[in-house]
Amino acid sequence: MAEKQEEKILYSIDELPNIVVFRSSLTGKAIAVPKQTIAIFLSEGIYALNPYWRYSGLLDKDDVLKLAECLRLLGLKLECNLRPELIRKIARYILIYAENIQFMNFLSASEAMIIHNDREGREIEEFLKYAIPFLFELRELYRRIVMDPQPEMLVKMLDFCLQNGLDPM
């Protein structure tokens, strides 16, 4: 009896073809996206079918429990001692999660443009006015965490995501 192969969940942008065709699970419409466009959204070079930590494996339960305890301590104005490597790992996960969600939102906006026969690209333009500045600011927070991994910066990164409608945890 043949073993069931595990479905791949994470992809490197490098292994994607030059044009990637995504099919909407809602309408069945196909959307072709150049690899260069995908790279604009995914600065870490990781495309995740489902970026949520439990599904993607970018964090494990122990990582999340340590983060939750740290957030609890910080909320009580107490010191939190996460290892710098874990702070960087969690920050990278948050960035990959947010970038992938924004890329999925881009695909939805592209589909809406097709559905509404929006030949002028208003749907995409409105989405990009929000998404690109959001991603640039989130990447800056990530860059700062990589340089100086402080738990308080993770709080800023999480708060920024939550303020923009994304909940990575």
N, C-alpha and C. Protein backbone atom coordinates (compact mmCIF):
# COMPACT_ATOMS: atom_id res chain seq x y z
N MET A 1 0.84 -1.17 0.00
CA MET A 1 0.00 0.00 0.00
C MET A 1 0.90 1.25 0.00
N ALA A 2 0.62 2.15 -0.88
CA ALA A 2 1.44 3.37 -1.00
C ALA A 2 1.14 4.32 0.16
N GLU A 3 2.21 4.95 0.66
CA GLU A 3 2.04 5.94 1.72
C GLU A 3 1.50 7.23 1.14
N LYS A 4 0.66 7.88 1.91
CA LYS A 4 0.10 9.16 1.48
C LYS A 4 1.19 10.22 1.62
N GLN A 5 1.44 10.95 0.52
CA GLN A 5 2.44 12.01 0.57
C GLN A 5 1.86 13.22 1.27
N GLU A 6 2.69 13.85 2.12
CA GLU A 6 2.27 15.02 2.84
C GLU A 6 2.21 16.21 1.88
N GLU A 7 1.12 16.98 1.96
CA GLU A 7 0.97 18.15 1.11
C GLU A 7 1.96 19.23 1.52
N LYS A 8 2.59 19.81 0.54
CA LYS A 8 3.53 20.88 0.81
C LYS A 8 2.75 22.13 1.21
N ILE A 9 3.21 22.83 2.25
CA ILE A 9 2.51 23.98 2.81
C ILE A 9 3.24 25.28 2.54
N LEU A 10 4.58 25.24 2.59
CA LEU A 10 5.40 26.43 2.38
C LEU A 10 6.20 26.28 1.09
N TYR A 11 6.29 27.37 0.34
CA TYR A 11 7.06 27.40 -0.89
C TYR A 11 8.01 28.58 -0.87
N SER A 12 9.19 28.37 -1.38
CA SER A 12 10.11 29.47 -1.62
C SER A 12 9.70 30.13 -2.93
N ILE A 13 9.77 31.44 -2.99
CA ILE A 13 9.46 32.13 -4.24
C ILE A 13 10.36 31.61 -5.36
N ASP A 14 11.59 31.26 -5.01
CA ASP A 14 12.55 30.78 -6.02
C ASP A 14 12.06 29.52 -6.75
N GLU A 15 11.25 28.70 -6.10
CA GLU A 15 10.80 27.47 -6.74
C GLU A 15 9.49 27.65 -7.52
N LEU A 16 8.92 28.84 -7.49
CA LEU A 16 7.69 29.09 -8.24
C LEU A 16 8.03 29.39 -9.70
N PRO A 17 7.11 29.06 -10.61
CA PRO A 17 7.34 29.43 -12.02
C PRO A 17 7.25 30.96 -12.19
N ASN A 18 7.66 31.45 -13.36
CA ASN A 18 7.65 32.90 -13.60
C ASN A 18 6.24 33.49 -13.57
N ILE A 19 5.26 32.71 -13.96
CA ILE A 19 3.85 33.11 -13.86
C ILE A 19 3.15 32.03 -13.05
N VAL A 20 2.48 32.45 -11.97
CA VAL A 20 1.77 31.51 -11.11
C VAL A 20 0.28 31.75 -11.29
N VAL A 21 -0.46 30.68 -11.52
CA VAL A 21 -1.91 30.78 -11.70
C VAL A 21 -2.58 30.31 -10.42
N PHE A 22 -3.35 31.23 -9.83
CA PHE A 22 -4.12 30.92 -8.63
C PHE A 22 -5.58 30.80 -9.04
N ARG A 23 -6.28 29.84 -8.46
CA ARG A 23 -7.70 29.65 -8.76
C ARG A 23 -8.50 29.96 -7.51
N SER A 24 -9.49 30.85 -7.67
CA SER A 24 -10.34 31.25 -6.55
C SER A 24 -11.17 30.07 -6.07
N SER A 25 -11.18 29.88 -4.75
CA SER A 25 -12.01 28.82 -4.19
C SER A 25 -13.48 29.24 -4.15
N LEU A 26 -13.73 30.55 -4.30
CA LEU A 26 -15.12 31.03 -4.28
C LEU A 26 -15.76 31.00 -5.66
N THR A 27 -15.07 31.53 -6.66
CA THR A 27 -15.67 31.66 -7.98
C THR A 27 -15.07 30.73 -9.02
N GLY A 28 -13.91 30.16 -8.72
CA GLY A 28 -13.24 29.31 -9.69
C GLY A 28 -12.45 30.09 -10.73
N LYS A 29 -12.47 31.42 -10.64
CA LYS A 29 -11.74 32.25 -11.60
C LYS A 29 -10.24 32.08 -11.41
N ALA A 30 -9.52 32.05 -12.53
CA ALA A 30 -8.07 31.93 -12.49
C ALA A 30 -7.45 33.32 -12.55
N ILE A 31 -6.41 33.52 -11.75
CA ILE A 31 -5.70 34.79 -11.72
C ILE A 31 -4.22 34.47 -11.90
N ALA A 32 -3.64 34.99 -12.99
CA ALA A 32 -2.21 34.76 -13.27
C ALA A 32 -1.42 35.92 -12.67
N VAL A 33 -0.39 35.57 -11.90
CA VAL A 33 0.41 36.59 -11.22
C VAL A 33 1.89 36.34 -11.52
N PRO A 34 2.59 37.36 -12.03
CA PRO A 34 4.03 37.20 -12.25
C PRO A 34 4.77 37.03 -10.92
N LYS A 35 5.83 36.24 -10.95
CA LYS A 35 6.63 35.99 -9.76
C LYS A 35 7.14 37.32 -9.17
N GLN A 36 7.47 38.31 -10.02
CA GLN A 36 7.96 39.59 -9.54
C GLN A 36 6.91 40.31 -8.70
N THR A 37 5.65 40.16 -9.04
CA THR A 37 4.57 40.77 -8.26
C THR A 37 4.45 40.07 -6.91
N ILE A 38 4.56 38.77 -6.91
CA ILE A 38 4.51 38.01 -5.66
C ILE A 38 5.63 38.47 -4.74
N ALA A 39 6.82 38.68 -5.30
CA ALA A 39 7.98 39.10 -4.52
C ALA A 39 7.79 40.46 -3.85
N ILE A 40 6.98 41.33 -4.44
CA ILE A 40 6.68 42.62 -3.82
C ILE A 40 6.00 42.42 -2.47
N PHE A 41 5.13 41.43 -2.39
CA PHE A 41 4.39 41.16 -1.17
C PHE A 41 5.18 40.31 -0.18
N LEU A 42 5.99 39.40 -0.67
CA LEU A 42 6.62 38.40 0.19
C LEU A 42 8.12 38.65 0.30
N SER A 43 8.50 39.62 1.12
CA SER A 43 9.91 40.00 1.24
C SER A 43 10.78 38.89 1.81
N GLU A 44 10.20 38.01 2.60
CA GLU A 44 10.96 36.89 3.16
C GLU A 44 11.05 35.72 2.19
N GLY A 45 10.38 35.85 1.04
CA GLY A 45 10.49 34.81 0.01
C GLY A 45 9.73 33.54 0.32
N ILE A 46 8.77 33.60 1.23
CA ILE A 46 8.00 32.42 1.64
C ILE A 46 6.53 32.61 1.27
N TYR A 47 6.02 31.71 0.40
CA TYR A 47 4.59 31.67 0.10
C TYR A 47 3.99 30.52 0.89
N ALA A 48 2.98 30.82 1.69
CA ALA A 48 2.34 29.81 2.53
C ALA A 48 0.90 29.60 2.09
N LEU A 49 0.53 28.34 1.87
CA LEU A 49 -0.86 28.05 1.53
C LEU A 49 -1.79 28.52 2.65
N ASN A 50 -1.35 28.33 3.88
CA ASN A 50 -2.05 28.84 5.06
C ASN A 50 -0.96 29.30 6.02
N PRO A 51 -0.80 30.63 6.20
CA PRO A 51 0.32 31.11 6.99
C PRO A 51 0.15 31.01 8.51
N TYR A 52 -1.04 30.65 8.99
CA TYR A 52 -1.27 30.56 10.43
C TYR A 52 -0.28 29.59 11.06
N TRP A 53 0.25 29.94 12.22
CA TRP A 53 1.35 29.19 12.83
C TRP A 53 1.06 27.70 13.02
N ARG A 54 -0.14 27.35 13.43
CA ARG A 54 -0.46 25.93 13.66
C ARG A 54 -0.40 25.12 12.37
N TYR A 55 -0.74 25.76 11.27
CA TYR A 55 -0.79 25.06 9.98
C TYR A 55 0.56 25.11 9.27
N SER A 56 1.22 26.27 9.31
CA SER A 56 2.45 26.46 8.55
C SER A 56 3.68 25.82 9.20
N GLY A 57 3.64 25.66 10.52
CA GLY A 57 4.79 25.13 11.23
C GLY A 57 5.90 26.15 11.44
N LEU A 58 5.62 27.43 11.17
CA LEU A 58 6.64 28.47 11.36
C LEU A 58 6.91 28.72 12.84
N LEU A 59 5.95 28.41 13.68
CA LEU A 59 6.12 28.42 15.14
C LEU A 59 5.55 27.11 15.66
N ASP A 60 5.95 26.73 16.85
CA ASP A 60 5.32 25.58 17.48
C ASP A 60 4.57 26.04 18.74
N LYS A 61 3.85 25.13 19.33
CA LYS A 61 3.02 25.47 20.49
C LYS A 61 3.85 26.05 21.62
N ASP A 62 5.03 25.51 21.85
CA ASP A 62 5.90 26.00 22.92
C ASP A 62 6.29 27.47 22.66
N ASP A 63 6.60 27.81 21.41
CA ASP A 63 6.94 29.20 21.06
C ASP A 63 5.78 30.13 21.41
N VAL A 64 4.58 29.71 21.04
CA VAL A 64 3.40 30.54 21.25
C VAL A 64 3.09 30.68 22.74
N LEU A 65 3.25 29.59 23.50
CA LEU A 65 3.01 29.66 24.95
C LEU A 65 4.02 30.59 25.63
N LYS A 66 5.27 30.54 25.18
CA LYS A 66 6.28 31.46 25.73
C LYS A 66 5.93 32.91 25.39
N LEU A 67 5.46 33.15 24.17
CA LEU A 67 5.05 34.50 23.79
C LEU A 67 3.85 34.94 24.64
N ALA A 68 2.88 34.06 24.82
CA ALA A 68 1.70 34.41 25.62
C ALA A 68 2.09 34.78 27.05
N GLU A 69 2.99 34.02 27.63
CA GLU A 69 3.45 34.32 28.99
C GLU A 69 4.18 35.66 29.02
N CYS A 70 4.99 35.90 28.02
CA CYS A 70 5.72 37.17 27.94
C CYS A 70 4.74 38.34 27.83
N LEU A 71 3.74 38.20 26.98
CA LEU A 71 2.74 39.27 26.83
C LEU A 71 1.99 39.51 28.13
N ARG A 72 1.70 38.42 28.86
CA ARG A 72 1.03 38.54 30.16
C ARG A 72 1.91 39.34 31.13
N LEU A 73 3.18 38.98 31.20
CA LEU A 73 4.10 39.68 32.10
C LEU A 73 4.25 41.16 31.72
N LEU A 74 4.41 41.42 30.44
CA LEU A 74 4.54 42.80 29.99
C LEU A 74 3.28 43.60 30.31
N GLY A 75 2.11 42.95 30.19
CA GLY A 75 0.85 43.60 30.51
C GLY A 75 0.75 43.97 31.99
N LEU A 76 1.46 43.22 32.83
CA LEU A 76 1.50 43.50 34.27
C LEU A 76 2.67 44.42 34.63
N LYS A 77 3.34 44.94 33.60
CA LYS A 77 4.50 45.83 33.78
C LYS A 77 5.67 45.09 34.45
N LEU A 78 5.76 43.79 34.18
CA LEU A 78 6.86 42.99 34.69
C LEU A 78 7.82 42.66 33.54
N GLU A 79 9.01 42.21 33.91
CA GLU A 79 10.02 41.89 32.89
C GLU A 79 9.73 40.56 32.23
N CYS A 80 9.99 40.51 30.95
CA CYS A 80 9.84 39.29 30.16
C CYS A 80 11.20 38.94 29.58
N ASN A 81 11.62 37.71 29.73
CA ASN A 81 12.93 37.29 29.24
C ASN A 81 12.81 36.23 28.17
N LEU A 82 12.50 36.65 26.95
CA LEU A 82 12.52 35.73 25.82
C LEU A 82 13.93 35.74 25.22
N ARG A 83 14.38 34.59 24.77
CA ARG A 83 15.68 34.53 24.09
C ARG A 83 15.63 35.37 22.81
N PRO A 84 16.71 36.06 22.49
CA PRO A 84 16.74 36.87 21.26
C PRO A 84 16.39 36.06 20.00
N GLU A 85 16.84 34.80 19.94
CA GLU A 85 16.54 33.96 18.78
C GLU A 85 15.03 33.72 18.65
N LEU A 86 14.36 33.54 19.79
CA LEU A 86 12.91 33.32 19.76
C LEU A 86 12.18 34.60 19.38
N ILE A 87 12.65 35.72 19.86
CA ILE A 87 12.04 37.01 19.48
C ILE A 87 12.14 37.19 17.97
N ARG A 88 13.31 36.92 17.42
CA ARG A 88 13.49 37.06 15.96
C ARG A 88 12.61 36.07 15.20
N LYS A 89 12.52 34.84 15.71
CA LYS A 89 11.71 33.81 15.06
C LYS A 89 10.23 34.22 15.04
N ILE A 90 9.73 34.71 16.15
CA ILE A 90 8.33 35.13 16.24
C ILE A 90 8.09 36.34 15.34
N ALA A 91 9.02 37.29 15.35
CA ALA A 91 8.88 38.47 14.49
C ALA A 91 8.85 38.07 13.01
N ARG A 92 9.71 37.13 12.64
CA ARG A 92 9.73 36.66 11.24
C ARG A 92 8.41 35.99 10.90
N TYR A 93 7.90 35.18 11.81
CA TYR A 93 6.59 34.55 11.59
C TYR A 93 5.51 35.61 11.38
N ILE A 94 5.48 36.62 12.24
CA ILE A 94 4.46 37.68 12.12
C ILE A 94 4.56 38.35 10.76
N LEU A 95 5.78 38.64 10.33
CA LEU A 95 5.97 39.27 9.01
C LEU A 95 5.50 38.35 7.89
N ILE A 96 5.91 37.09 7.92
CA ILE A 96 5.49 36.15 6.87
C ILE A 96 3.98 35.99 6.86
N TYR A 97 3.39 35.89 8.03
CA TYR A 97 1.92 35.77 8.14
C TYR A 97 1.25 36.99 7.49
N ALA A 98 1.66 38.18 7.90
CA ALA A 98 1.03 39.41 7.40
C ALA A 98 1.25 39.57 5.91
N GLU A 99 2.46 39.29 5.43
CA GLU A 99 2.73 39.42 3.99
C GLU A 99 1.85 38.46 3.19
N ASN A 100 1.73 37.23 3.67
CA ASN A 100 0.91 36.26 2.95
C ASN A 100 -0.57 36.63 2.97
N ILE A 101 -1.06 37.13 4.09
CA ILE A 101 -2.45 37.57 4.15
C ILE A 101 -2.67 38.74 3.19
N GLN A 102 -1.73 39.67 3.15
CA GLN A 102 -1.87 40.80 2.22
C GLN A 102 -1.79 40.32 0.77
N PHE A 103 -0.97 39.33 0.50
CA PHE A 103 -0.93 38.78 -0.85
C PHE A 103 -2.27 38.12 -1.20
N MET A 104 -2.85 37.40 -0.25
CA MET A 104 -4.17 36.80 -0.49
C MET A 104 -5.22 37.89 -0.72
N ASN A 105 -5.10 38.99 0.02
CA ASN A 105 -6.01 40.12 -0.19
C ASN A 105 -5.82 40.72 -1.57
N PHE A 106 -4.58 40.76 -2.04
CA PHE A 106 -4.30 41.23 -3.40
C PHE A 106 -5.00 40.34 -4.42
N LEU A 107 -4.93 39.03 -4.21
CA LEU A 107 -5.62 38.11 -5.11
C LEU A 107 -7.13 38.35 -5.09
N SER A 108 -7.68 38.60 -3.91
CA SER A 108 -9.12 38.89 -3.80
C SER A 108 -9.47 40.18 -4.51
N ALA A 109 -8.62 41.20 -4.35
CA ALA A 109 -8.87 42.48 -5.04
C ALA A 109 -8.76 42.30 -6.55
N SER A 110 -7.83 41.45 -6.99
CA SER A 110 -7.69 41.16 -8.42
C SER A 110 -8.94 40.47 -8.94
N GLU A 111 -9.44 39.54 -8.16
CA GLU A 111 -10.66 38.83 -8.56
C GLU A 111 -11.85 39.78 -8.59
N ALA A 112 -11.95 40.67 -7.61
CA ALA A 112 -13.04 41.65 -7.59
C ALA A 112 -12.97 42.55 -8.83
N MET A 113 -11.76 42.89 -9.23
CA MET A 113 -11.57 43.71 -10.42
C MET A 113 -12.12 42.99 -11.64
N ILE A 114 -11.87 41.68 -11.73
CA ILE A 114 -12.38 40.89 -12.85
C ILE A 114 -13.91 40.81 -12.78
N ILE A 115 -14.43 40.49 -11.61
CA ILE A 115 -15.88 40.33 -11.44
C ILE A 115 -16.62 41.62 -11.77
N HIS A 116 -16.07 42.76 -11.32
CA HIS A 116 -16.73 44.05 -11.53
C HIS A 116 -16.35 44.71 -12.86
N ASN A 117 -15.61 43.99 -13.69
CA ASN A 117 -15.17 44.51 -14.97
C ASN A 117 -14.48 45.87 -14.80
N ASP A 118 -13.63 45.94 -13.79
CA ASP A 118 -12.92 47.18 -13.44
C ASP A 118 -11.63 47.27 -14.27
N ARG A 119 -11.76 47.72 -15.51
CA ARG A 119 -10.63 47.78 -16.43
C ARG A 119 -9.61 48.85 -16.04
N GLU A 120 -10.01 49.78 -15.20
CA GLU A 120 -9.10 50.86 -14.78
C GLU A 120 -8.33 50.49 -13.52
N GLY A 121 -8.66 49.39 -12.91
CA GLY A 121 -7.90 48.90 -11.76
C GLY A 121 -8.17 49.63 -10.46
N ARG A 122 -9.37 50.17 -10.29
CA ARG A 122 -9.67 50.91 -9.05
C ARG A 122 -9.58 50.03 -7.81
N GLU A 123 -10.06 48.79 -7.94
CA GLU A 123 -10.03 47.86 -6.79
C GLU A 123 -8.59 47.65 -6.32
N ILE A 124 -7.71 47.38 -7.27
CA ILE A 124 -6.30 47.14 -6.94
C ILE A 124 -5.66 48.42 -6.41
N GLU A 125 -5.93 49.52 -7.05
CA GLU A 125 -5.34 50.79 -6.62
C GLU A 125 -5.71 51.11 -5.18
N GLU A 126 -6.97 50.96 -4.82
CA GLU A 126 -7.41 51.22 -3.44
C GLU A 126 -6.74 50.27 -2.47
N PHE A 127 -6.65 49.01 -2.85
CA PHE A 127 -6.00 48.04 -1.98
C PHE A 127 -4.53 48.38 -1.78
N LEU A 128 -3.83 48.70 -2.86
CA LEU A 128 -2.39 48.98 -2.77
C LEU A 128 -2.09 50.25 -1.98
N LYS A 129 -2.99 51.22 -2.00
CA LYS A 129 -2.79 52.45 -1.21
C LYS A 129 -2.71 52.13 0.28
N TYR A 130 -3.38 51.08 0.68
CA TYR A 130 -3.34 50.65 2.07
C TYR A 130 -2.22 49.63 2.30
N ALA A 131 -2.15 48.62 1.45
CA ALA A 131 -1.29 47.46 1.70
C ALA A 131 0.20 47.78 1.66
N ILE A 132 0.63 48.54 0.68
CA ILE A 132 2.07 48.78 0.53
C ILE A 132 2.62 49.57 1.72
N PRO A 133 2.01 50.69 2.13
CA PRO A 133 2.53 51.37 3.33
C PRO A 133 2.49 50.48 4.58
N PHE A 134 1.44 49.69 4.73
CA PHE A 134 1.35 48.76 5.86
C PHE A 134 2.55 47.81 5.86
N LEU A 135 2.83 47.20 4.70
CA LEU A 135 3.93 46.24 4.62
C LEU A 135 5.28 46.92 4.86
N PHE A 136 5.46 48.11 4.33
CA PHE A 136 6.73 48.82 4.55
C PHE A 136 6.94 49.11 6.04
N GLU A 137 5.90 49.54 6.72
CA GLU A 137 6.03 49.83 8.15
C GLU A 137 6.27 48.56 8.96
N LEU A 138 5.58 47.49 8.62
CA LEU A 138 5.77 46.22 9.31
C LEU A 138 7.20 45.69 9.09
N ARG A 139 7.70 45.82 7.88
CA ARG A 139 9.07 45.38 7.58
C ARG A 139 10.09 46.21 8.36
N GLU A 140 9.80 47.47 8.55
CA GLU A 140 10.70 48.31 9.34
C GLU A 140 10.72 47.85 10.80
N LEU A 141 9.55 47.53 11.34
CA LEU A 141 9.50 46.99 12.70
C LEU A 141 10.30 45.69 12.79
N TYR A 142 10.14 44.84 11.81
CA TYR A 142 10.88 43.58 11.78
C TYR A 142 12.38 43.84 11.73
N ARG A 143 12.81 44.75 10.86
CA ARG A 143 14.23 45.08 10.75
C ARG A 143 14.80 45.55 12.09
N ARG A 144 14.01 46.36 12.79
CA ARG A 144 14.46 46.85 14.10
C ARG A 144 14.57 45.72 15.11
N ILE A 145 13.65 44.77 15.05
CA ILE A 145 13.70 43.62 15.96
C ILE A 145 14.91 42.74 15.67
N VAL A 146 15.21 42.54 14.39
CA VAL A 146 16.38 41.74 14.03
C VAL A 146 17.64 42.38 14.59
N MET A 147 17.72 43.69 14.52
CA MET A 147 18.91 44.42 15.00
C MET A 147 18.99 44.42 16.53
N ASP A 148 17.83 44.56 17.19
CA ASP A 148 17.80 44.67 18.65
C ASP A 148 16.55 43.96 19.18
N PRO A 149 16.63 42.64 19.36
CA PRO A 149 15.44 41.85 19.72
C PRO A 149 14.94 42.12 21.14
N GLN A 150 13.92 42.94 21.25
CA GLN A 150 13.30 43.27 22.53
C GLN A 150 11.84 42.80 22.52
N PRO A 151 11.36 42.19 23.60
CA PRO A 151 9.97 41.73 23.65
C PRO A 151 8.96 42.86 23.40
N GLU A 152 9.28 44.06 23.87
CA GLU A 152 8.36 45.19 23.68
C GLU A 152 8.15 45.50 22.19
N MET A 153 9.15 45.22 21.37
CA MET A 153 9.00 45.44 19.93
C MET A 153 8.06 44.41 19.31
N LEU A 154 8.05 43.19 19.87
CA LEU A 154 7.07 42.20 19.41
C LEU A 154 5.65 42.69 19.69
N VAL A 155 5.47 43.31 20.86
CA VAL A 155 4.17 43.88 21.21
C VAL A 155 3.78 44.94 20.19
N LYS A 156 4.72 45.80 19.82
CA LYS A 156 4.45 46.83 18.81
C LYS A 156 4.06 46.20 17.48
N MET A 157 4.79 45.16 17.10
CA MET A 157 4.52 44.50 15.83
C MET A 157 3.13 43.85 15.84
N LEU A 158 2.80 43.16 16.94
CA LEU A 158 1.48 42.54 17.07
C LEU A 158 0.37 43.59 17.10
N ASP A 159 0.58 44.65 17.87
CA ASP A 159 -0.41 45.73 17.93
C ASP A 159 -0.65 46.35 16.56
N PHE A 160 0.43 46.57 15.83
CA PHE A 160 0.32 47.15 14.49
C PHE A 160 -0.52 46.25 13.59
N CYS A 161 -0.27 44.95 13.66
CA CYS A 161 -1.08 44.01 12.86
C CYS A 161 -2.55 44.06 13.28
N LEU A 162 -2.79 44.02 14.59
CA LEU A 162 -4.17 44.03 15.09
C LEU A 162 -4.90 45.32 14.69
N GLN A 163 -4.20 46.45 14.76
CA GLN A 163 -4.80 47.73 14.36
C GLN A 163 -5.17 47.73 12.89
N ASN A 164 -4.54 46.86 12.11
CA ASN A 164 -4.79 46.78 10.68
C ASN A 164 -5.58 45.54 10.30
N GLY A 165 -6.24 44.94 11.28
CA GLY A 165 -7.16 43.84 11.00
C GLY A 165 -6.53 42.47 10.81
N LEU A 166 -5.27 42.31 11.23
CA LEU A 166 -4.61 41.01 11.10
C LEU A 166 -4.27 40.48 12.48
N ASP A 167 -4.61 39.22 12.73
CA ASP A 167 -4.30 38.60 14.01
C ASP A 167 -3.46 37.36 13.77
N PRO A 168 -2.13 37.50 13.83
CA PRO A 168 -1.26 36.36 13.53
C PRO A 168 -1.27 35.25 14.56
N MET A 169 -1.76 35.51 15.75
CA MET A 169 -1.69 34.50 16.80
C MET A 169 -3.01 33.78 16.98
